[in-house]
Amino acid sequence: MESRKITKYLFTIYLLALVWIILFKLQLSFANLPYLRNVNLIPFGDSTIVNGTIDFSEIAYNLVVFIPFGLFIAMLWENVSFPKKVVPVLLTSLGFEVIQFVLAIGASDITDLLMNTAGGMVGIGLFYILSKLLKDKTVPILNAVCLIGAVSSFFFIGLILFVNL
């Protein structure tokens, strides 16, 4: 039970970080946010092409940033089927895209939606594999790893803020 509570706290911290990354573009001021209202409904279309070539780093970032989401969903909903675990990942990503459009703070892109959802699916799959290898220790070990990641991220962000003062 204690492990589940820790997972919920870590998931909340992750979601706050995700909002800051996706919606606020790592900015500390609303004034620094770009004014952009754009919708791209063509997967891997214009939004991923830079100087005539596909920008794989943007695609990879969208995938990687949602892997923890899938891990957290899998940890919190261990007895739920795979498709039902994917739904909140998809809906959260869709929510971010809609909010970006409504607030005109970023491009709403189907590629982002696809890659975010794929990242969540990778996280869910990774949890499945780890649970087969680590058995009952999976959630406590992942909580420890996520806690180390959260503390390291806060330290790194604090360092960046301190240097840029």
N, C-alpha and C. Protein backbone atom coordinates (compact mmCIF):
# COMPACT_ATOMS: atom_id res chain seq x y z
N MET A 1 0.83 -1.19 0.00
CA MET A 1 0.00 0.00 0.00
C MET A 1 0.87 1.26 0.00
N GLU A 2 1.93 1.25 0.80
CA GLU A 2 2.85 2.38 0.87
C GLU A 2 3.49 2.64 -0.49
N SER A 3 3.84 1.58 -1.19
CA SER A 3 4.46 1.68 -2.50
C SER A 3 3.51 2.36 -3.49
N ARG A 4 2.24 2.03 -3.41
CA ARG A 4 1.24 2.62 -4.30
C ARG A 4 1.12 4.13 -4.06
N LYS A 5 1.18 4.53 -2.79
CA LYS A 5 1.10 5.94 -2.43
C LYS A 5 2.30 6.70 -3.01
N ILE A 6 3.47 6.11 -2.89
CA ILE A 6 4.68 6.71 -3.44
C ILE A 6 4.56 6.85 -4.95
N THR A 7 4.03 5.82 -5.60
CA THR A 7 3.84 5.86 -7.04
C THR A 7 2.91 7.01 -7.43
N LYS A 8 1.84 7.22 -6.68
CA LYS A 8 0.91 8.31 -6.97
C LYS A 8 1.59 9.67 -6.84
N TYR A 9 2.40 9.85 -5.79
CA TYR A 9 3.11 11.11 -5.61
C TYR A 9 4.10 11.35 -6.75
N LEU A 10 4.83 10.32 -7.11
CA LEU A 10 5.81 10.45 -8.19
C LEU A 10 5.11 10.72 -9.53
N PHE A 11 3.96 10.10 -9.74
CA PHE A 11 3.19 10.32 -10.97
C PHE A 11 2.70 11.77 -11.02
N THR A 12 2.29 12.31 -9.90
CA THR A 12 1.85 13.71 -9.85
C THR A 12 3.01 14.65 -10.19
N ILE A 13 4.17 14.38 -9.64
CA ILE A 13 5.35 15.19 -9.96
C ILE A 13 5.68 15.10 -11.45
N TYR A 14 5.61 13.89 -11.98
CA TYR A 14 5.86 13.69 -13.41
C TYR A 14 4.86 14.46 -14.26
N LEU A 15 3.57 14.42 -13.90
CA LEU A 15 2.55 15.14 -14.66
C LEU A 15 2.79 16.65 -14.63
N LEU A 16 3.19 17.17 -13.49
CA LEU A 16 3.51 18.60 -13.40
C LEU A 16 4.69 18.95 -14.31
N ALA A 17 5.70 18.10 -14.30
CA ALA A 17 6.85 18.31 -15.19
C ALA A 17 6.42 18.23 -16.65
N LEU A 18 5.55 17.30 -16.97
CA LEU A 18 5.06 17.14 -18.34
C LEU A 18 4.30 18.38 -18.80
N VAL A 19 3.48 18.94 -17.93
CA VAL A 19 2.77 20.19 -18.26
C VAL A 19 3.77 21.30 -18.53
N TRP A 20 4.79 21.40 -17.69
CA TRP A 20 5.79 22.45 -17.88
C TRP A 20 6.55 22.25 -19.19
N ILE A 21 6.86 21.02 -19.52
CA ILE A 21 7.60 20.73 -20.75
C ILE A 21 6.73 20.98 -21.98
N ILE A 22 5.53 20.42 -22.00
CA ILE A 22 4.71 20.47 -23.21
C ILE A 22 3.97 21.80 -23.38
N LEU A 23 3.33 22.26 -22.34
CA LEU A 23 2.53 23.48 -22.47
C LEU A 23 3.34 24.75 -22.29
N PHE A 24 4.24 24.76 -21.32
CA PHE A 24 4.99 25.98 -21.03
C PHE A 24 6.37 26.00 -21.68
N LYS A 25 6.69 24.97 -22.46
CA LYS A 25 7.93 24.91 -23.24
C LYS A 25 9.17 25.22 -22.41
N LEU A 26 9.16 24.77 -21.15
CA LEU A 26 10.26 24.98 -20.21
C LEU A 26 10.50 26.46 -19.88
N GLN A 27 9.51 27.30 -20.13
CA GLN A 27 9.62 28.73 -19.84
C GLN A 27 9.16 29.02 -18.42
N LEU A 28 9.67 30.09 -17.85
CA LEU A 28 9.27 30.50 -16.51
C LEU A 28 8.28 31.66 -16.54
N SER A 29 8.06 32.23 -17.72
CA SER A 29 7.17 33.38 -17.85
C SER A 29 6.21 33.15 -19.01
N PHE A 30 4.95 33.56 -18.82
CA PHE A 30 3.98 33.45 -19.90
C PHE A 30 4.38 34.33 -21.09
N ALA A 31 5.08 35.42 -20.81
CA ALA A 31 5.50 36.34 -21.86
C ALA A 31 6.46 35.69 -22.85
N ASN A 32 7.19 34.68 -22.40
CA ASN A 32 8.17 34.02 -23.26
C ASN A 32 7.58 32.91 -24.12
N LEU A 33 6.30 32.60 -23.91
CA LEU A 33 5.68 31.54 -24.70
C LEU A 33 5.42 32.03 -26.12
N PRO A 34 5.62 31.16 -27.10
CA PRO A 34 5.36 31.57 -28.48
C PRO A 34 3.86 31.68 -28.73
N TYR A 35 3.47 32.62 -29.56
CA TYR A 35 2.07 32.69 -29.99
C TYR A 35 2.00 31.91 -31.29
N LEU A 36 1.41 30.74 -31.22
CA LEU A 36 1.34 29.88 -32.39
C LEU A 36 0.07 29.04 -32.31
N ARG A 37 -0.71 29.12 -33.34
CA ARG A 37 -1.91 28.28 -33.42
C ARG A 37 -1.87 27.61 -34.79
N ASN A 38 -1.53 26.34 -34.77
CA ASN A 38 -1.37 25.59 -36.01
C ASN A 38 -1.83 24.17 -35.76
N VAL A 39 -2.44 23.57 -36.78
CA VAL A 39 -2.87 22.17 -36.69
C VAL A 39 -2.28 21.42 -37.87
N ASN A 40 -1.63 20.30 -37.57
CA ASN A 40 -1.12 19.43 -38.62
C ASN A 40 -1.76 18.06 -38.46
N LEU A 41 -2.54 17.67 -39.44
CA LEU A 41 -3.22 16.37 -39.39
C LEU A 41 -2.58 15.32 -40.30
N ILE A 42 -1.40 15.65 -40.84
CA ILE A 42 -0.68 14.71 -41.69
C ILE A 42 0.47 14.11 -40.88
N PRO A 43 0.39 12.82 -40.56
CA PRO A 43 1.46 12.19 -39.76
C PRO A 43 2.82 12.32 -40.43
N PHE A 44 3.80 12.71 -39.65
CA PHE A 44 5.17 12.88 -40.11
C PHE A 44 5.25 13.81 -41.31
N GLY A 45 4.38 14.82 -41.30
CA GLY A 45 4.31 15.80 -42.39
C GLY A 45 5.23 16.97 -42.15
N ASP A 46 4.76 18.15 -42.57
CA ASP A 46 5.58 19.37 -42.55
C ASP A 46 6.20 19.68 -41.19
N SER A 47 5.49 19.39 -40.12
CA SER A 47 5.99 19.75 -38.79
C SER A 47 7.24 18.99 -38.41
N THR A 48 7.49 17.85 -39.02
CA THR A 48 8.67 17.06 -38.67
C THR A 48 9.79 17.22 -39.70
N ILE A 49 9.55 18.02 -40.73
CA ILE A 49 10.56 18.20 -41.77
C ILE A 49 11.26 19.54 -41.57
N VAL A 50 12.57 19.47 -41.39
CA VAL A 50 13.39 20.66 -41.21
C VAL A 50 14.48 20.64 -42.27
N ASN A 51 14.56 21.70 -43.05
CA ASN A 51 15.54 21.80 -44.14
C ASN A 51 15.48 20.61 -45.08
N GLY A 52 14.28 20.15 -45.37
CA GLY A 52 14.08 19.08 -46.34
C GLY A 52 14.28 17.67 -45.82
N THR A 53 14.63 17.52 -44.54
CA THR A 53 14.80 16.19 -43.97
C THR A 53 13.95 16.05 -42.71
N ILE A 54 13.62 14.82 -42.40
CA ILE A 54 12.81 14.55 -41.21
C ILE A 54 13.65 14.78 -39.96
N ASP A 55 13.09 15.55 -39.01
CA ASP A 55 13.76 15.82 -37.73
C ASP A 55 13.41 14.69 -36.76
N PHE A 56 14.26 13.66 -36.73
CA PHE A 56 13.99 12.50 -35.89
C PHE A 56 14.11 12.82 -34.40
N SER A 57 14.88 13.85 -34.06
CA SER A 57 15.03 14.17 -32.64
C SER A 57 13.70 14.61 -32.03
N GLU A 58 12.93 15.42 -32.74
CA GLU A 58 11.62 15.85 -32.25
C GLU A 58 10.69 14.65 -32.07
N ILE A 59 10.73 13.73 -33.01
CA ILE A 59 9.91 12.52 -32.94
C ILE A 59 10.34 11.68 -31.73
N ALA A 60 11.65 11.53 -31.55
CA ALA A 60 12.18 10.73 -30.44
C ALA A 60 11.84 11.37 -29.09
N TYR A 61 11.94 12.70 -28.99
CA TYR A 61 11.60 13.38 -27.73
C TYR A 61 10.16 13.12 -27.34
N ASN A 62 9.26 13.19 -28.32
CA ASN A 62 7.84 12.95 -28.04
C ASN A 62 7.61 11.52 -27.57
N LEU A 63 8.35 10.59 -28.10
CA LEU A 63 8.23 9.20 -27.67
C LEU A 63 8.79 9.03 -26.25
N VAL A 64 9.99 9.52 -26.03
CA VAL A 64 10.69 9.31 -24.75
C VAL A 64 9.97 9.98 -23.59
N VAL A 65 9.43 11.18 -23.80
CA VAL A 65 8.83 11.92 -22.70
C VAL A 65 7.57 11.23 -22.15
N PHE A 66 6.95 10.36 -22.95
CA PHE A 66 5.75 9.66 -22.49
C PHE A 66 6.00 8.23 -22.02
N ILE A 67 7.22 7.73 -22.09
CA ILE A 67 7.52 6.39 -21.57
C ILE A 67 7.22 6.31 -20.07
N PRO A 68 7.63 7.31 -19.27
CA PRO A 68 7.28 7.24 -17.85
C PRO A 68 5.78 7.23 -17.60
N PHE A 69 5.01 7.90 -18.46
CA PHE A 69 3.55 7.91 -18.31
C PHE A 69 3.03 6.48 -18.38
N GLY A 70 3.49 5.74 -19.37
CA GLY A 70 3.09 4.34 -19.51
C GLY A 70 3.52 3.50 -18.32
N LEU A 71 4.74 3.74 -17.83
CA LEU A 71 5.21 3.01 -16.66
C LEU A 71 4.32 3.28 -15.44
N PHE A 72 4.01 4.56 -15.21
CA PHE A 72 3.17 4.91 -14.06
C PHE A 72 1.77 4.32 -14.18
N ILE A 73 1.19 4.40 -15.36
CA ILE A 73 -0.15 3.82 -15.56
C ILE A 73 -0.11 2.32 -15.30
N ALA A 74 0.92 1.66 -15.81
CA ALA A 74 1.04 0.21 -15.60
C ALA A 74 1.25 -0.13 -14.13
N MET A 75 2.00 0.70 -13.42
CA MET A 75 2.23 0.44 -11.99
C MET A 75 0.94 0.64 -11.19
N LEU A 76 0.17 1.65 -11.55
CA LEU A 76 -1.04 1.96 -10.80
C LEU A 76 -2.22 1.06 -11.18
N TRP A 77 -2.22 0.58 -12.41
CA TRP A 77 -3.33 -0.25 -12.91
C TRP A 77 -2.81 -1.61 -13.36
N GLU A 78 -2.15 -2.32 -12.47
CA GLU A 78 -1.53 -3.60 -12.84
C GLU A 78 -2.52 -4.62 -13.39
N ASN A 79 -3.73 -4.64 -12.89
CA ASN A 79 -4.70 -5.66 -13.29
C ASN A 79 -5.66 -5.20 -14.38
N VAL A 80 -5.30 -4.13 -15.07
CA VAL A 80 -6.14 -3.60 -16.15
C VAL A 80 -5.53 -4.04 -17.48
N SER A 81 -6.36 -4.29 -18.48
CA SER A 81 -5.87 -4.76 -19.78
C SER A 81 -5.04 -3.68 -20.49
N PHE A 82 -4.20 -4.12 -21.40
CA PHE A 82 -3.31 -3.22 -22.14
C PHE A 82 -4.09 -2.10 -22.84
N PRO A 83 -5.14 -2.41 -23.61
CA PRO A 83 -5.87 -1.32 -24.28
C PRO A 83 -6.43 -0.28 -23.31
N LYS A 84 -6.90 -0.71 -22.16
CA LYS A 84 -7.45 0.23 -21.18
C LYS A 84 -6.35 1.08 -20.53
N LYS A 85 -5.12 0.59 -20.54
CA LYS A 85 -4.00 1.37 -20.04
C LYS A 85 -3.57 2.42 -21.07
N VAL A 86 -3.76 2.11 -22.33
CA VAL A 86 -3.35 3.04 -23.40
C VAL A 86 -4.30 4.24 -23.48
N VAL A 87 -5.56 4.04 -23.15
CA VAL A 87 -6.56 5.11 -23.28
C VAL A 87 -6.17 6.38 -22.54
N PRO A 88 -5.76 6.33 -21.25
CA PRO A 88 -5.40 7.59 -20.59
C PRO A 88 -4.16 8.26 -21.20
N VAL A 89 -3.26 7.47 -21.75
CA VAL A 89 -2.09 8.03 -22.42
C VAL A 89 -2.54 8.82 -23.64
N LEU A 90 -3.37 8.19 -24.45
CA LEU A 90 -3.90 8.83 -25.66
C LEU A 90 -4.70 10.09 -25.32
N LEU A 91 -5.58 9.99 -24.33
CA LEU A 91 -6.43 11.13 -23.96
C LEU A 91 -5.61 12.28 -23.36
N THR A 92 -4.58 11.97 -22.60
CA THR A 92 -3.73 13.02 -22.04
C THR A 92 -2.98 13.73 -23.15
N SER A 93 -2.41 12.97 -24.07
CA SER A 93 -1.71 13.58 -25.19
C SER A 93 -2.66 14.43 -26.03
N LEU A 94 -3.84 13.91 -26.31
CA LEU A 94 -4.84 14.67 -27.06
C LEU A 94 -5.21 15.95 -26.30
N GLY A 95 -5.36 15.85 -24.99
CA GLY A 95 -5.66 17.02 -24.17
C GLY A 95 -4.58 18.09 -24.31
N PHE A 96 -3.32 17.68 -24.27
CA PHE A 96 -2.23 18.63 -24.45
C PHE A 96 -2.30 19.31 -25.82
N GLU A 97 -2.57 18.54 -26.85
CA GLU A 97 -2.65 19.12 -28.20
C GLU A 97 -3.81 20.12 -28.30
N VAL A 98 -4.94 19.79 -27.73
CA VAL A 98 -6.10 20.69 -27.76
C VAL A 98 -5.81 21.96 -26.97
N ILE A 99 -5.22 21.83 -25.79
CA ILE A 99 -4.90 23.00 -24.97
C ILE A 99 -3.90 23.91 -25.70
N GLN A 100 -2.91 23.32 -26.35
CA GLN A 100 -1.96 24.13 -27.12
C GLN A 100 -2.68 24.93 -28.20
N PHE A 101 -3.64 24.31 -28.86
CA PHE A 101 -4.39 25.00 -29.90
C PHE A 101 -5.26 26.10 -29.31
N VAL A 102 -6.02 25.78 -28.28
CA VAL A 102 -6.95 26.74 -27.69
C VAL A 102 -6.21 27.96 -27.14
N LEU A 103 -5.09 27.73 -26.46
CA LEU A 103 -4.33 28.83 -25.87
C LEU A 103 -3.31 29.45 -26.84
N ALA A 104 -3.23 28.89 -28.05
CA ALA A 104 -2.29 29.37 -29.08
C ALA A 104 -0.86 29.40 -28.54
N ILE A 105 -0.44 28.32 -27.91
CA ILE A 105 0.91 28.25 -27.35
C ILE A 105 1.73 27.12 -27.97
N GLY A 106 1.32 26.65 -29.12
CA GLY A 106 2.08 25.60 -29.77
C GLY A 106 1.29 24.98 -30.90
N ALA A 107 1.99 24.22 -31.69
CA ALA A 107 1.35 23.55 -32.82
C ALA A 107 0.70 22.26 -32.34
N SER A 108 -0.52 22.04 -32.76
CA SER A 108 -1.21 20.78 -32.48
C SER A 108 -0.89 19.85 -33.64
N ASP A 109 -0.30 18.73 -33.33
CA ASP A 109 0.27 17.88 -34.37
C ASP A 109 -0.10 16.42 -34.14
N ILE A 110 -0.59 15.78 -35.18
CA ILE A 110 -0.96 14.37 -35.10
C ILE A 110 0.27 13.50 -34.84
N THR A 111 1.44 13.94 -35.34
CA THR A 111 2.66 13.19 -35.10
C THR A 111 2.98 13.15 -33.61
N ASP A 112 2.79 14.29 -32.93
CA ASP A 112 3.01 14.32 -31.48
C ASP A 112 2.06 13.35 -30.77
N LEU A 113 0.81 13.38 -31.18
CA LEU A 113 -0.18 12.48 -30.58
C LEU A 113 0.21 11.03 -30.77
N LEU A 114 0.62 10.68 -31.98
CA LEU A 114 1.02 9.30 -32.28
C LEU A 114 2.26 8.89 -31.48
N MET A 115 3.26 9.76 -31.45
CA MET A 115 4.51 9.39 -30.78
C MET A 115 4.36 9.40 -29.26
N ASN A 116 3.57 10.34 -28.72
CA ASN A 116 3.31 10.33 -27.28
C ASN A 116 2.62 9.03 -26.87
N THR A 117 1.62 8.65 -27.65
CA THR A 117 0.89 7.41 -27.37
C THR A 117 1.81 6.20 -27.51
N ALA A 118 2.65 6.21 -28.53
CA ALA A 118 3.61 5.11 -28.71
C ALA A 118 4.57 5.05 -27.52
N GLY A 119 5.01 6.21 -27.02
CA GLY A 119 5.88 6.24 -25.85
C GLY A 119 5.20 5.63 -24.64
N GLY A 120 3.93 5.97 -24.43
CA GLY A 120 3.18 5.37 -23.33
C GLY A 120 3.06 3.87 -23.48
N MET A 121 2.86 3.42 -24.70
CA MET A 121 2.76 1.98 -24.96
C MET A 121 4.10 1.29 -24.67
N VAL A 122 5.20 1.95 -25.02
CA VAL A 122 6.52 1.40 -24.71
C VAL A 122 6.68 1.28 -23.20
N GLY A 123 6.26 2.31 -22.47
CA GLY A 123 6.33 2.27 -21.01
C GLY A 123 5.52 1.13 -20.42
N ILE A 124 4.32 0.93 -20.93
CA ILE A 124 3.48 -0.18 -20.47
C ILE A 124 4.15 -1.52 -20.76
N GLY A 125 4.69 -1.65 -21.97
CA GLY A 125 5.39 -2.88 -22.34
C GLY A 125 6.63 -3.11 -21.51
N LEU A 126 7.36 -2.04 -21.23
CA LEU A 126 8.55 -2.14 -20.40
C LEU A 126 8.19 -2.62 -18.99
N PHE A 127 7.09 -2.09 -18.45
CA PHE A 127 6.65 -2.55 -17.13
C PHE A 127 6.32 -4.03 -17.17
N TYR A 128 5.65 -4.48 -18.22
CA TYR A 128 5.30 -5.89 -18.35
C TYR A 128 6.56 -6.76 -18.33
N ILE A 129 7.56 -6.36 -19.09
CA ILE A 129 8.81 -7.12 -19.16
C ILE A 129 9.50 -7.12 -17.80
N LEU A 130 9.58 -5.94 -17.19
CA LEU A 130 10.24 -5.85 -15.87
C LEU A 130 9.49 -6.65 -14.82
N SER A 131 8.17 -6.67 -14.89
CA SER A 131 7.40 -7.43 -13.90
C SER A 131 7.63 -8.93 -14.04
N LYS A 132 7.93 -9.38 -15.24
CA LYS A 132 8.25 -10.80 -15.43
C LYS A 132 9.64 -11.12 -14.87
N LEU A 133 10.55 -10.16 -14.97
CA LEU A 133 11.91 -10.37 -14.48
C LEU A 133 12.05 -10.14 -12.97
N LEU A 134 11.39 -9.09 -12.47
CA LEU A 134 11.59 -8.68 -11.08
C LEU A 134 10.49 -9.13 -10.12
N LYS A 135 9.41 -9.65 -10.69
CA LYS A 135 8.26 -10.14 -9.90
C LYS A 135 7.70 -9.06 -8.97
N ASP A 136 7.59 -9.34 -7.67
CA ASP A 136 6.99 -8.42 -6.70
C ASP A 136 7.85 -7.19 -6.40
N LYS A 137 9.08 -7.21 -6.83
CA LYS A 137 9.98 -6.09 -6.56
C LYS A 137 9.88 -4.99 -7.62
N THR A 138 9.11 -5.21 -8.67
CA THR A 138 9.06 -4.29 -9.80
C THR A 138 8.67 -2.88 -9.39
N VAL A 139 7.54 -2.73 -8.72
CA VAL A 139 7.05 -1.39 -8.36
C VAL A 139 8.00 -0.69 -7.39
N PRO A 140 8.47 -1.34 -6.32
CA PRO A 140 9.42 -0.64 -5.44
C PRO A 140 10.71 -0.21 -6.16
N ILE A 141 11.21 -1.07 -7.04
CA ILE A 141 12.43 -0.71 -7.78
C ILE A 141 12.17 0.45 -8.72
N LEU A 142 11.05 0.41 -9.45
CA LEU A 142 10.72 1.52 -10.35
C LEU A 142 10.46 2.80 -9.59
N ASN A 143 9.84 2.70 -8.41
CA ASN A 143 9.63 3.89 -7.59
C ASN A 143 10.98 4.50 -7.19
N ALA A 144 11.93 3.66 -6.82
CA ALA A 144 13.26 4.15 -6.45
C ALA A 144 13.93 4.84 -7.63
N VAL A 145 13.85 4.21 -8.80
CA VAL A 145 14.44 4.80 -10.01
C VAL A 145 13.76 6.13 -10.33
N CYS A 146 12.43 6.18 -10.25
CA CYS A 146 11.69 7.41 -10.54
C CYS A 146 11.99 8.50 -9.51
N LEU A 147 12.16 8.13 -8.26
CA LEU A 147 12.51 9.10 -7.23
C LEU A 147 13.90 9.69 -7.49
N ILE A 148 14.83 8.84 -7.85
CA ILE A 148 16.18 9.32 -8.20
C ILE A 148 16.10 10.26 -9.41
N GLY A 149 15.30 9.88 -10.40
CA GLY A 149 15.11 10.72 -11.58
C GLY A 149 14.48 12.06 -11.25
N ALA A 150 13.48 12.06 -10.37
CA ALA A 150 12.81 13.30 -9.98
C ALA A 150 13.76 14.22 -9.22
N VAL A 151 14.49 13.67 -8.27
CA VAL A 151 15.44 14.48 -7.49
C VAL A 151 16.54 15.02 -8.40
N SER A 152 17.05 14.18 -9.28
CA SER A 152 18.09 14.62 -10.22
C SER A 152 17.57 15.72 -11.14
N SER A 153 16.34 15.58 -11.60
CA SER A 153 15.74 16.59 -12.47
C SER A 153 15.57 17.92 -11.75
N PHE A 154 15.08 17.87 -10.51
CA PHE A 154 14.94 19.11 -9.73
C PHE A 154 16.29 19.77 -9.50
N PHE A 155 17.30 18.96 -9.21
CA PHE A 155 18.64 19.50 -9.00
C PHE A 155 19.15 20.16 -10.28
N PHE A 156 18.98 19.48 -11.41
CA PHE A 156 19.44 19.99 -12.70
C PHE A 156 18.71 21.28 -13.07
N ILE A 157 17.40 21.30 -12.89
CA ILE A 157 16.61 22.50 -13.20
C ILE A 157 17.02 23.65 -12.28
N GLY A 158 17.20 23.34 -10.99
CA GLY A 158 17.66 24.36 -10.05
C GLY A 158 19.01 24.93 -10.45
N LEU A 159 19.90 24.07 -10.88
CA LEU A 159 21.22 24.50 -11.32
C LEU A 159 21.11 25.41 -12.54
N ILE A 160 20.28 25.03 -13.48
CA ILE A 160 20.08 25.86 -14.68
C ILE A 160 19.52 27.22 -14.30
N LEU A 161 18.53 27.24 -13.42
CA LEU A 161 17.93 28.49 -12.98
C LEU A 161 18.96 29.36 -12.26
N PHE A 162 19.76 28.74 -11.39
CA PHE A 162 20.77 29.46 -10.64
C PHE A 162 21.80 30.09 -11.57
N VAL A 163 22.26 29.34 -12.57
CA VAL A 163 23.27 29.83 -13.51
C VAL A 163 22.72 30.97 -14.37
N ASN A 164 21.43 30.92 -14.66
CA ASN A 164 20.83 31.94 -15.54
C ASN A 164 20.27 33.15 -14.80
N LEU A 165 20.50 33.25 -13.51
CA LEU A 165 20.03 34.42 -12.76
C LEU A 165 20.84 35.65 -13.04
